[in-house]
Amino acid sequence: MTEPPPEPPAAPLPLAALAAAEPAHLLAVLLEVCASPAWAAAVAASRPWSDRAALLAANATATARLSPAELAEALAGHARIGTPKAGDAASEREQAGLRGVEPSVLDELAAANAAYEAKFGHLFLICATGRTAADLLAALRERLPHDAATEAWTVREELRRINELRLDLLLTAES
């Protein structure tokens, strides 16, 4: 019987420690950044990273190469905008701009999310860090008229940005 992969670290990791991590541990850490096993495997396979820029380039490449099914796995790891996952620190941190928002704005977000999901078949993904509820609602309404190809590109770009922010948080111990 194999043991489950180790839990991701509670504290940030310097780049050198991340690059030197045991494969199972590294995959567990990377899966906390992005829920796609294909993304995590691709980023892990790109090490060693000479610097932060090399790690972020690996993120960009891995994100761009996700198949539709792999992208769906990545999206499954994200909370719907307007409803952060309780107990999920990343979700709560990234959607902090929604704290204390009027219930009517949350209702508008829910309706816009439903329209988006009906059109595109997946949740609305956006890098919510630093954005207010009004910003998020405006972005959702702006993207709703997109065609499928434009929106697919936009979703990948937003995923890349989210992953980049999460990788940066992971590396904050690096000097």
N, C-alpha and C. Protein backbone atom coordinates (compact mmCIF):
# COMPACT_ATOMS: atom_id res chain seq x y z
N MET A 1 0.84 -1.17 0.00
CA MET A 1 0.00 0.00 0.00
C MET A 1 0.89 1.24 0.00
N THR A 2 0.58 2.21 -0.88
CA THR A 2 1.38 3.42 -0.92
C THR A 2 0.80 4.45 0.03
N GLU A 3 1.68 5.27 0.56
CA GLU A 3 1.26 6.32 1.46
C GLU A 3 0.75 7.50 0.65
N PRO A 4 -0.22 8.27 1.20
CA PRO A 4 -0.69 9.45 0.48
C PRO A 4 0.43 10.48 0.43
N PRO A 5 0.37 11.39 -0.55
CA PRO A 5 1.40 12.42 -0.62
C PRO A 5 1.39 13.27 0.63
N PRO A 6 2.52 13.83 0.99
CA PRO A 6 2.58 14.66 2.18
C PRO A 6 1.73 15.92 2.00
N GLU A 7 1.31 16.47 3.13
CA GLU A 7 0.54 17.71 3.11
C GLU A 7 1.42 18.85 2.61
N PRO A 8 0.82 19.83 1.90
CA PRO A 8 1.61 20.99 1.49
C PRO A 8 2.10 21.75 2.71
N PRO A 9 3.16 22.52 2.55
CA PRO A 9 3.71 23.24 3.69
C PRO A 9 2.79 24.35 4.16
N ALA A 10 2.83 24.63 5.45
CA ALA A 10 2.05 25.73 6.00
C ALA A 10 2.80 27.04 5.80
N ALA A 11 4.10 26.99 5.66
CA ALA A 11 4.91 28.19 5.52
C ALA A 11 5.43 28.32 4.09
N PRO A 12 5.72 29.54 3.68
CA PRO A 12 6.28 29.73 2.34
C PRO A 12 7.61 29.00 2.16
N LEU A 13 7.91 28.66 0.91
CA LEU A 13 9.15 27.96 0.57
C LEU A 13 10.02 28.85 -0.31
N PRO A 14 11.29 28.93 -0.04
CA PRO A 14 12.17 29.61 -0.99
C PRO A 14 12.23 28.80 -2.30
N LEU A 15 12.56 29.46 -3.38
CA LEU A 15 12.62 28.80 -4.68
C LEU A 15 13.53 27.58 -4.66
N ALA A 16 14.69 27.70 -4.04
CA ALA A 16 15.63 26.57 -4.01
C ALA A 16 15.03 25.37 -3.29
N ALA A 17 14.30 25.61 -2.20
CA ALA A 17 13.68 24.51 -1.46
C ALA A 17 12.55 23.88 -2.29
N LEU A 18 11.81 24.71 -2.98
CA LEU A 18 10.75 24.20 -3.83
C LEU A 18 11.34 23.34 -4.95
N ALA A 19 12.38 23.83 -5.57
CA ALA A 19 13.02 23.10 -6.67
C ALA A 19 13.64 21.79 -6.21
N ALA A 20 14.07 21.73 -4.96
CA ALA A 20 14.73 20.53 -4.44
C ALA A 20 13.77 19.57 -3.74
N ALA A 21 12.51 19.91 -3.67
CA ALA A 21 11.53 19.08 -2.96
C ALA A 21 11.40 17.70 -3.61
N GLU A 22 11.11 16.71 -2.78
CA GLU A 22 10.83 15.37 -3.28
C GLU A 22 9.66 15.45 -4.24
N PRO A 23 9.64 14.61 -5.28
CA PRO A 23 8.58 14.70 -6.30
C PRO A 23 7.15 14.68 -5.74
N ALA A 24 6.84 13.78 -4.84
CA ALA A 24 5.48 13.69 -4.30
C ALA A 24 5.13 14.95 -3.52
N HIS A 25 6.10 15.45 -2.76
CA HIS A 25 5.86 16.67 -1.98
C HIS A 25 5.66 17.86 -2.91
N LEU A 26 6.50 17.96 -3.93
CA LEU A 26 6.39 19.06 -4.88
C LEU A 26 5.02 19.03 -5.57
N LEU A 27 4.58 17.86 -6.00
CA LEU A 27 3.27 17.76 -6.64
C LEU A 27 2.16 18.19 -5.70
N ALA A 28 2.24 17.80 -4.43
CA ALA A 28 1.22 18.20 -3.46
C ALA A 28 1.20 19.72 -3.30
N VAL A 29 2.37 20.33 -3.25
CA VAL A 29 2.46 21.79 -3.12
C VAL A 29 1.88 22.46 -4.37
N LEU A 30 2.26 21.97 -5.53
CA LEU A 30 1.78 22.57 -6.78
C LEU A 30 0.28 22.39 -6.98
N LEU A 31 -0.26 21.27 -6.51
CA LEU A 31 -1.70 21.06 -6.61
C LEU A 31 -2.49 22.02 -5.72
N GLU A 32 -1.84 22.59 -4.72
CA GLU A 32 -2.48 23.63 -3.92
C GLU A 32 -2.52 24.94 -4.70
N VAL A 33 -1.62 25.11 -5.64
CA VAL A 33 -1.60 26.29 -6.49
C VAL A 33 -2.66 26.15 -7.58
N CYS A 34 -2.69 25.00 -8.23
CA CYS A 34 -3.61 24.73 -9.34
C CYS A 34 -4.06 23.28 -9.24
N ALA A 35 -5.36 23.06 -9.31
CA ALA A 35 -5.93 21.72 -9.10
C ALA A 35 -5.74 20.77 -10.28
N SER A 36 -5.12 21.21 -11.35
CA SER A 36 -4.90 20.32 -12.49
C SER A 36 -3.64 19.49 -12.29
N PRO A 37 -3.78 18.15 -12.20
CA PRO A 37 -2.59 17.31 -12.10
C PRO A 37 -1.65 17.48 -13.29
N ALA A 38 -2.20 17.71 -14.47
CA ALA A 38 -1.34 17.91 -15.66
C ALA A 38 -0.51 19.18 -15.51
N TRP A 39 -1.11 20.24 -15.01
CA TRP A 39 -0.38 21.49 -14.78
C TRP A 39 0.74 21.25 -13.75
N ALA A 40 0.39 20.62 -12.63
CA ALA A 40 1.38 20.39 -11.58
C ALA A 40 2.53 19.53 -12.11
N ALA A 41 2.23 18.49 -12.87
CA ALA A 41 3.28 17.62 -13.41
C ALA A 41 4.17 18.38 -14.39
N ALA A 42 3.56 19.23 -15.22
CA ALA A 42 4.35 19.98 -16.20
C ALA A 42 5.26 20.99 -15.51
N VAL A 43 4.76 21.68 -14.51
CA VAL A 43 5.60 22.64 -13.78
C VAL A 43 6.71 21.91 -13.04
N ALA A 44 6.38 20.80 -12.40
CA ALA A 44 7.40 20.02 -11.68
C ALA A 44 8.48 19.53 -12.64
N ALA A 45 8.09 19.08 -13.82
CA ALA A 45 9.04 18.54 -14.80
C ALA A 45 9.97 19.62 -15.36
N SER A 46 9.60 20.88 -15.19
CA SER A 46 10.41 21.97 -15.74
C SER A 46 11.55 22.40 -14.81
N ARG A 47 11.62 21.81 -13.62
CA ARG A 47 12.68 22.23 -12.69
C ARG A 47 14.02 21.61 -13.07
N PRO A 48 15.10 22.15 -12.65
CA PRO A 48 15.21 23.25 -11.68
C PRO A 48 14.92 24.59 -12.34
N TRP A 49 14.42 25.51 -11.55
CA TRP A 49 14.15 26.86 -12.03
C TRP A 49 15.30 27.75 -11.60
N SER A 50 15.87 28.47 -12.52
CA SER A 50 17.02 29.32 -12.21
C SER A 50 16.61 30.53 -11.37
N ASP A 51 15.37 30.95 -11.53
CA ASP A 51 14.88 32.11 -10.78
C ASP A 51 13.35 32.13 -10.85
N ARG A 52 12.76 33.12 -10.21
CA ARG A 52 11.31 33.26 -10.18
C ARG A 52 10.75 33.33 -11.60
N ALA A 53 11.41 34.07 -12.47
CA ALA A 53 10.94 34.22 -13.85
C ALA A 53 10.84 32.87 -14.55
N ALA A 54 11.77 31.97 -14.30
CA ALA A 54 11.74 30.65 -14.91
C ALA A 54 10.55 29.84 -14.40
N LEU A 55 10.26 29.95 -13.11
CA LEU A 55 9.09 29.26 -12.55
C LEU A 55 7.80 29.82 -13.15
N LEU A 56 7.73 31.14 -13.26
CA LEU A 56 6.53 31.75 -13.83
C LEU A 56 6.38 31.42 -15.31
N ALA A 57 7.49 31.29 -16.01
CA ALA A 57 7.44 30.87 -17.42
C ALA A 57 6.92 29.43 -17.52
N ALA A 58 7.33 28.58 -16.58
CA ALA A 58 6.82 27.20 -16.55
C ALA A 58 5.32 27.20 -16.30
N ASN A 59 4.85 28.08 -15.42
CA ASN A 59 3.42 28.22 -15.18
C ASN A 59 2.71 28.61 -16.47
N ALA A 60 3.22 29.61 -17.16
CA ALA A 60 2.58 30.10 -18.39
C ALA A 60 2.52 28.99 -19.45
N THR A 61 3.60 28.28 -19.61
CA THR A 61 3.65 27.20 -20.60
C THR A 61 2.68 26.09 -20.23
N ALA A 62 2.71 25.68 -18.97
CA ALA A 62 1.83 24.59 -18.53
C ALA A 62 0.36 24.98 -18.66
N THR A 63 0.04 26.22 -18.33
CA THR A 63 -1.34 26.68 -18.43
C THR A 63 -1.80 26.70 -19.88
N ALA A 64 -0.95 27.19 -20.77
CA ALA A 64 -1.30 27.27 -22.19
C ALA A 64 -1.51 25.89 -22.80
N ARG A 65 -0.84 24.88 -22.28
CA ARG A 65 -0.90 23.54 -22.87
C ARG A 65 -1.99 22.64 -22.28
N LEU A 66 -2.76 23.14 -21.33
CA LEU A 66 -3.82 22.31 -20.74
C LEU A 66 -4.87 21.97 -21.79
N SER A 67 -5.24 20.70 -21.83
CA SER A 67 -6.33 20.28 -22.70
C SER A 67 -7.63 20.82 -22.10
N PRO A 68 -8.73 20.79 -22.84
CA PRO A 68 -10.00 21.22 -22.26
C PRO A 68 -10.37 20.44 -20.98
N ALA A 69 -10.12 19.15 -20.96
CA ALA A 69 -10.42 18.36 -19.76
C ALA A 69 -9.53 18.75 -18.59
N GLU A 70 -8.26 19.01 -18.87
CA GLU A 70 -7.32 19.43 -17.82
C GLU A 70 -7.67 20.82 -17.31
N LEU A 71 -8.11 21.70 -18.21
CA LEU A 71 -8.55 23.03 -17.80
C LEU A 71 -9.77 22.91 -16.90
N ALA A 72 -10.67 21.99 -17.22
CA ALA A 72 -11.85 21.77 -16.38
C ALA A 72 -11.43 21.31 -14.98
N GLU A 73 -10.38 20.48 -14.89
CA GLU A 73 -9.87 20.08 -13.57
C GLU A 73 -9.35 21.29 -12.80
N ALA A 74 -8.65 22.17 -13.49
CA ALA A 74 -8.14 23.37 -12.84
C ALA A 74 -9.29 24.25 -12.35
N LEU A 75 -10.31 24.41 -13.18
CA LEU A 75 -11.46 25.24 -12.79
C LEU A 75 -12.19 24.66 -11.59
N ALA A 76 -12.22 23.33 -11.50
CA ALA A 76 -12.92 22.68 -10.39
C ALA A 76 -12.30 23.03 -9.05
N GLY A 77 -11.07 23.49 -9.05
CA GLY A 77 -10.40 23.87 -7.81
C GLY A 77 -10.71 25.28 -7.36
N HIS A 78 -11.54 25.99 -8.10
CA HIS A 78 -11.84 27.40 -7.79
C HIS A 78 -13.28 27.56 -7.34
N ALA A 79 -13.47 28.52 -6.45
CA ALA A 79 -14.81 28.85 -5.98
C ALA A 79 -15.51 29.77 -6.97
N ARG A 80 -16.81 29.68 -7.00
CA ARG A 80 -17.61 30.59 -7.81
C ARG A 80 -17.44 31.99 -7.23
N ILE A 81 -17.31 32.97 -8.11
CA ILE A 81 -17.20 34.36 -7.67
C ILE A 81 -18.48 34.73 -6.94
N GLY A 82 -18.31 35.25 -5.73
CA GLY A 82 -19.45 35.60 -4.90
C GLY A 82 -19.71 34.60 -3.80
N THR A 83 -19.10 33.41 -3.92
CA THR A 83 -19.29 32.38 -2.89
C THR A 83 -17.96 31.70 -2.59
N PRO A 84 -17.06 32.41 -1.89
CA PRO A 84 -15.78 31.77 -1.53
C PRO A 84 -16.04 30.49 -0.75
N LYS A 85 -15.14 29.52 -0.94
CA LYS A 85 -15.27 28.25 -0.23
C LYS A 85 -14.92 28.47 1.24
N ALA A 86 -15.86 28.16 2.12
CA ALA A 86 -15.62 28.31 3.56
C ALA A 86 -14.44 27.43 3.97
N GLY A 87 -13.54 27.99 4.73
CA GLY A 87 -12.39 27.25 5.21
C GLY A 87 -11.25 27.15 4.21
N ASP A 88 -11.44 27.64 3.00
CA ASP A 88 -10.39 27.63 1.97
C ASP A 88 -9.71 28.99 2.00
N ALA A 89 -8.53 29.05 2.61
CA ALA A 89 -7.84 30.32 2.80
C ALA A 89 -7.59 31.05 1.49
N ALA A 90 -7.19 30.32 0.44
CA ALA A 90 -6.93 30.97 -0.85
C ALA A 90 -8.21 31.59 -1.40
N SER A 91 -9.29 30.86 -1.37
CA SER A 91 -10.57 31.35 -1.88
C SER A 91 -11.02 32.58 -1.10
N GLU A 92 -10.94 32.52 0.22
CA GLU A 92 -11.36 33.64 1.04
C GLU A 92 -10.45 34.86 0.85
N ARG A 93 -9.16 34.64 0.72
CA ARG A 93 -8.21 35.74 0.50
C ARG A 93 -8.44 36.38 -0.86
N GLU A 94 -8.59 35.55 -1.87
CA GLU A 94 -8.72 36.06 -3.23
C GLU A 94 -10.04 36.79 -3.46
N GLN A 95 -11.07 36.43 -2.71
CA GLN A 95 -12.36 37.10 -2.86
C GLN A 95 -12.65 38.06 -1.70
N ALA A 96 -11.60 38.55 -1.07
CA ALA A 96 -11.76 39.46 0.07
C ALA A 96 -12.55 40.71 -0.30
N GLY A 97 -12.53 41.12 -1.55
CA GLY A 97 -13.26 42.30 -1.99
C GLY A 97 -14.77 42.15 -1.89
N LEU A 98 -15.24 40.95 -1.59
CA LEU A 98 -16.68 40.70 -1.46
C LEU A 98 -17.17 40.79 -0.02
N ARG A 99 -16.24 40.92 0.91
CA ARG A 99 -16.65 40.98 2.32
C ARG A 99 -17.50 42.22 2.58
N GLY A 100 -18.62 42.00 3.23
CA GLY A 100 -19.48 43.10 3.61
C GLY A 100 -20.29 43.71 2.47
N VAL A 101 -20.27 43.09 1.31
CA VAL A 101 -21.01 43.64 0.17
C VAL A 101 -22.51 43.46 0.39
N GLU A 102 -23.28 44.37 -0.17
CA GLU A 102 -24.74 44.31 -0.06
C GLU A 102 -25.27 43.00 -0.65
N PRO A 103 -26.26 42.42 -0.02
CA PRO A 103 -26.86 41.19 -0.56
C PRO A 103 -27.37 41.36 -1.99
N SER A 104 -27.83 42.54 -2.35
CA SER A 104 -28.33 42.75 -3.72
C SER A 104 -27.21 42.59 -4.75
N VAL A 105 -25.99 42.97 -4.39
CA VAL A 105 -24.85 42.81 -5.30
C VAL A 105 -24.51 41.33 -5.43
N LEU A 106 -24.57 40.60 -4.32
CA LEU A 106 -24.35 39.16 -4.39
C LEU A 106 -25.41 38.47 -5.24
N ASP A 107 -26.65 38.96 -5.16
CA ASP A 107 -27.71 38.42 -6.01
C ASP A 107 -27.42 38.69 -7.48
N GLU A 108 -26.94 39.90 -7.79
CA GLU A 108 -26.58 40.23 -9.17
C GLU A 108 -25.43 39.34 -9.66
N LEU A 109 -24.44 39.12 -8.79
CA LEU A 109 -23.33 38.22 -9.14
C LEU A 109 -23.84 36.81 -9.40
N ALA A 110 -24.74 36.34 -8.56
CA ALA A 110 -25.28 34.99 -8.74
C ALA A 110 -26.02 34.87 -10.07
N ALA A 111 -26.80 35.87 -10.42
CA ALA A 111 -27.53 35.83 -11.69
C ALA A 111 -26.58 35.90 -12.87
N ALA A 112 -25.57 36.76 -12.79
CA ALA A 112 -24.60 36.87 -13.88
C ALA A 112 -23.78 35.58 -14.00
N ASN A 113 -23.41 34.99 -12.85
CA ASN A 113 -22.69 33.71 -12.87
C ASN A 113 -23.53 32.63 -13.56
N ALA A 114 -24.81 32.58 -13.23
CA ALA A 114 -25.69 31.57 -13.82
C ALA A 114 -25.77 31.75 -15.34
N ALA A 115 -25.87 32.98 -15.80
CA ALA A 115 -25.92 33.24 -17.25
C ALA A 115 -24.61 32.83 -17.91
N TYR A 116 -23.50 33.14 -17.27
CA TYR A 116 -22.18 32.79 -17.79
C TYR A 116 -22.03 31.27 -17.88
N GLU A 117 -22.37 30.58 -16.80
CA GLU A 117 -22.24 29.13 -16.76
C GLU A 117 -23.15 28.46 -17.79
N ALA A 118 -24.34 29.01 -18.00
CA ALA A 118 -25.24 28.46 -19.01
C ALA A 118 -24.64 28.62 -20.41
N LYS A 119 -23.99 29.72 -20.65
CA LYS A 119 -23.42 29.98 -21.98
C LYS A 119 -22.15 29.18 -22.21
N PHE A 120 -21.22 29.18 -21.22
CA PHE A 120 -19.90 28.61 -21.45
C PHE A 120 -19.70 27.22 -20.85
N GLY A 121 -20.58 26.78 -19.98
CA GLY A 121 -20.50 25.43 -19.44
C GLY A 121 -19.50 25.25 -18.31
N HIS A 122 -19.01 26.34 -17.75
CA HIS A 122 -18.09 26.28 -16.60
C HIS A 122 -18.20 27.57 -15.81
N LEU A 123 -17.64 27.54 -14.61
CA LEU A 123 -17.72 28.74 -13.78
C LEU A 123 -16.88 29.88 -14.35
N PHE A 124 -17.26 31.07 -13.98
CA PHE A 124 -16.56 32.28 -14.37
C PHE A 124 -15.27 32.37 -13.56
N LEU A 125 -14.14 32.38 -14.24
CA LEU A 125 -12.84 32.46 -13.56
C LEU A 125 -12.23 33.81 -13.83
N ILE A 126 -11.82 34.46 -12.74
CA ILE A 126 -11.16 35.75 -12.84
C ILE A 126 -10.20 35.87 -11.67
N CYS A 127 -9.12 36.55 -11.89
CA CYS A 127 -8.19 36.84 -10.80
C CYS A 127 -8.84 37.94 -9.97
N ALA A 128 -9.45 37.54 -8.86
CA ALA A 128 -10.26 38.44 -8.04
C ALA A 128 -9.44 39.24 -7.04
N THR A 129 -8.19 38.90 -6.85
CA THR A 129 -7.35 39.57 -5.86
C THR A 129 -7.32 41.07 -6.12
N GLY A 130 -7.65 41.84 -5.10
CA GLY A 130 -7.60 43.29 -5.19
C GLY A 130 -8.79 43.92 -5.89
N ARG A 131 -9.78 43.14 -6.26
CA ARG A 131 -10.95 43.67 -6.97
C ARG A 131 -12.15 43.74 -6.04
N THR A 132 -12.96 44.76 -6.23
CA THR A 132 -14.19 44.90 -5.47
C THR A 132 -15.30 44.08 -6.11
N ALA A 133 -16.39 43.94 -5.40
CA ALA A 133 -17.55 43.24 -5.94
C ALA A 133 -18.04 43.92 -7.22
N ALA A 134 -18.04 45.24 -7.22
CA ALA A 134 -18.47 45.97 -8.42
C ALA A 134 -17.53 45.69 -9.60
N ASP A 135 -16.23 45.62 -9.33
CA ASP A 135 -15.27 45.29 -10.39
C ASP A 135 -15.54 43.91 -10.97
N LEU A 136 -15.78 42.96 -10.09
CA LEU A 136 -16.00 41.58 -10.52
C LEU A 136 -17.29 41.45 -11.33
N LEU A 137 -18.34 42.13 -10.87
CA LEU A 137 -19.60 42.10 -11.60
C LEU A 137 -19.45 42.75 -12.97
N ALA A 138 -18.75 43.86 -13.03
CA ALA A 138 -18.52 44.54 -14.32
C ALA A 138 -17.73 43.64 -15.27
N ALA A 139 -16.70 42.97 -14.75
CA ALA A 139 -15.89 42.08 -15.60
C ALA A 139 -16.72 40.90 -16.09
N LEU A 140 -17.55 40.37 -15.24
CA LEU A 140 -18.41 39.25 -15.64
C LEU A 140 -19.35 39.68 -16.76
N ARG A 141 -19.97 40.83 -16.60
CA ARG A 141 -20.88 41.34 -17.63
C ARG A 141 -20.14 41.67 -18.92
N GLU A 142 -18.91 42.15 -18.79
CA GLU A 142 -18.11 42.47 -19.98
C GLU A 142 -17.73 41.22 -20.76
N ARG A 143 -17.46 40.13 -20.05
CA ARG A 143 -17.03 38.90 -20.71
C ARG A 143 -18.18 38.04 -21.21
N LEU A 144 -19.36 38.22 -20.69
CA LEU A 144 -20.50 37.39 -21.09
C LEU A 144 -20.76 37.42 -22.60
N PRO A 145 -20.61 38.52 -23.30
CA PRO A 145 -20.83 38.51 -24.75
C PRO A 145 -19.72 37.84 -25.57
N HIS A 146 -18.60 37.47 -24.94
CA HIS A 146 -17.50 36.83 -25.68
C HIS A 146 -17.99 35.61 -26.44
N ASP A 147 -17.30 35.32 -27.55
CA ASP A 147 -17.52 34.03 -28.20
C ASP A 147 -16.70 32.99 -27.44
N ALA A 148 -16.94 31.73 -27.73
CA ALA A 148 -16.30 30.64 -26.98
C ALA A 148 -14.78 30.69 -27.06
N ALA A 149 -14.23 30.99 -28.23
CA ALA A 149 -12.77 31.01 -28.39
C ALA A 149 -12.14 32.15 -27.60
N THR A 150 -12.75 33.32 -27.66
CA THR A 150 -12.23 34.47 -26.91
C THR A 150 -12.28 34.19 -25.42
N GLU A 151 -13.37 33.63 -24.97
CA GLU A 151 -13.50 33.35 -23.54
C GLU A 151 -12.56 32.26 -23.09
N ALA A 152 -12.34 31.25 -23.92
CA ALA A 152 -11.39 30.19 -23.56
C ALA A 152 -10.00 30.77 -23.37
N TRP A 153 -9.59 31.68 -24.25
CA TRP A 153 -8.28 32.33 -24.09
C TRP A 153 -8.25 33.16 -22.81
N THR A 154 -9.34 33.90 -22.55
CA THR A 154 -9.41 34.75 -21.35
C THR A 154 -9.32 33.91 -20.08
N VAL A 155 -10.02 32.79 -20.06
CA VAL A 155 -9.99 31.91 -18.88
C VAL A 155 -8.56 31.42 -18.63
N ARG A 156 -7.87 31.01 -19.67
CA ARG A 156 -6.48 30.55 -19.50
C ARG A 156 -5.59 31.67 -18.96
N GLU A 157 -5.78 32.87 -19.46
CA GLU A 157 -4.99 34.01 -18.99
C GLU A 157 -5.29 34.31 -17.52
N GLU A 158 -6.55 34.24 -17.14
CA GLU A 158 -6.91 34.46 -15.73
C GLU A 158 -6.33 33.36 -14.85
N LEU A 159 -6.38 32.11 -15.31
CA LEU A 159 -5.79 31.01 -14.56
C LEU A 159 -4.29 31.22 -14.39
N ARG A 160 -3.63 31.63 -15.46
CA ARG A 160 -2.18 31.90 -15.37
C ARG A 160 -1.90 32.97 -14.32
N ARG A 161 -2.70 34.02 -14.31
CA ARG A 161 -2.50 35.12 -13.34
C ARG A 161 -2.74 34.64 -11.91
N ILE A 162 -3.80 33.86 -11.70
CA ILE A 162 -4.09 33.33 -10.37
C ILE A 162 -2.94 32.43 -9.91
N ASN A 163 -2.50 31.53 -10.79
CA ASN A 163 -1.39 30.64 -10.44
C ASN A 163 -0.14 31.45 -10.10
N GLU A 164 0.11 32.49 -10.87
CA GLU A 164 1.29 33.33 -10.63
C GLU A 164 1.22 33.98 -9.24
N LEU A 165 0.07 34.51 -8.89
CA LEU A 165 -0.08 35.10 -7.56
C LEU A 165 0.11 34.06 -6.46
N ARG A 166 -0.44 32.87 -6.67
CA ARG A 166 -0.29 31.81 -5.68
C ARG A 166 1.16 31.33 -5.58
N LEU A 167 1.85 31.25 -6.70
CA LEU A 167 3.28 30.90 -6.66
C LEU A 167 4.07 31.97 -5.93
N ASP A 168 3.77 33.22 -6.19
CA ASP A 168 4.45 34.32 -5.49
C ASP A 168 4.24 34.21 -3.98
N LEU A 169 3.02 33.90 -3.56
CA LEU A 169 2.75 33.73 -2.14
C LEU A 169 3.56 32.57 -1.56
N LEU A 170 3.66 31.52 -2.34
CA LEU A 170 4.43 30.35 -1.92
C LEU A 170 5.90 30.70 -1.71
N LEU A 171 6.40 31.62 -2.52
CA LEU A 171 7.83 31.96 -2.49
C LEU A 171 8.16 33.16 -1.62
N THR A 172 7.24 33.68 -0.86
CA THR A 172 7.49 34.92 -0.13
C THR A 172 8.61 34.81 0.90
N ALA A 173 9.01 33.61 1.24
CA ALA A 173 10.13 33.45 2.17
C ALA A 173 11.48 33.69 1.49
N GLU A 174 11.46 33.67 0.14
CA GLU A 174 12.72 33.87 -0.59
C GLU A 174 13.17 35.32 -0.46
N SER A 175 14.45 35.50 -0.26
CA SER A 175 14.97 36.86 -0.16
C SER A 175 15.57 37.31 -1.46
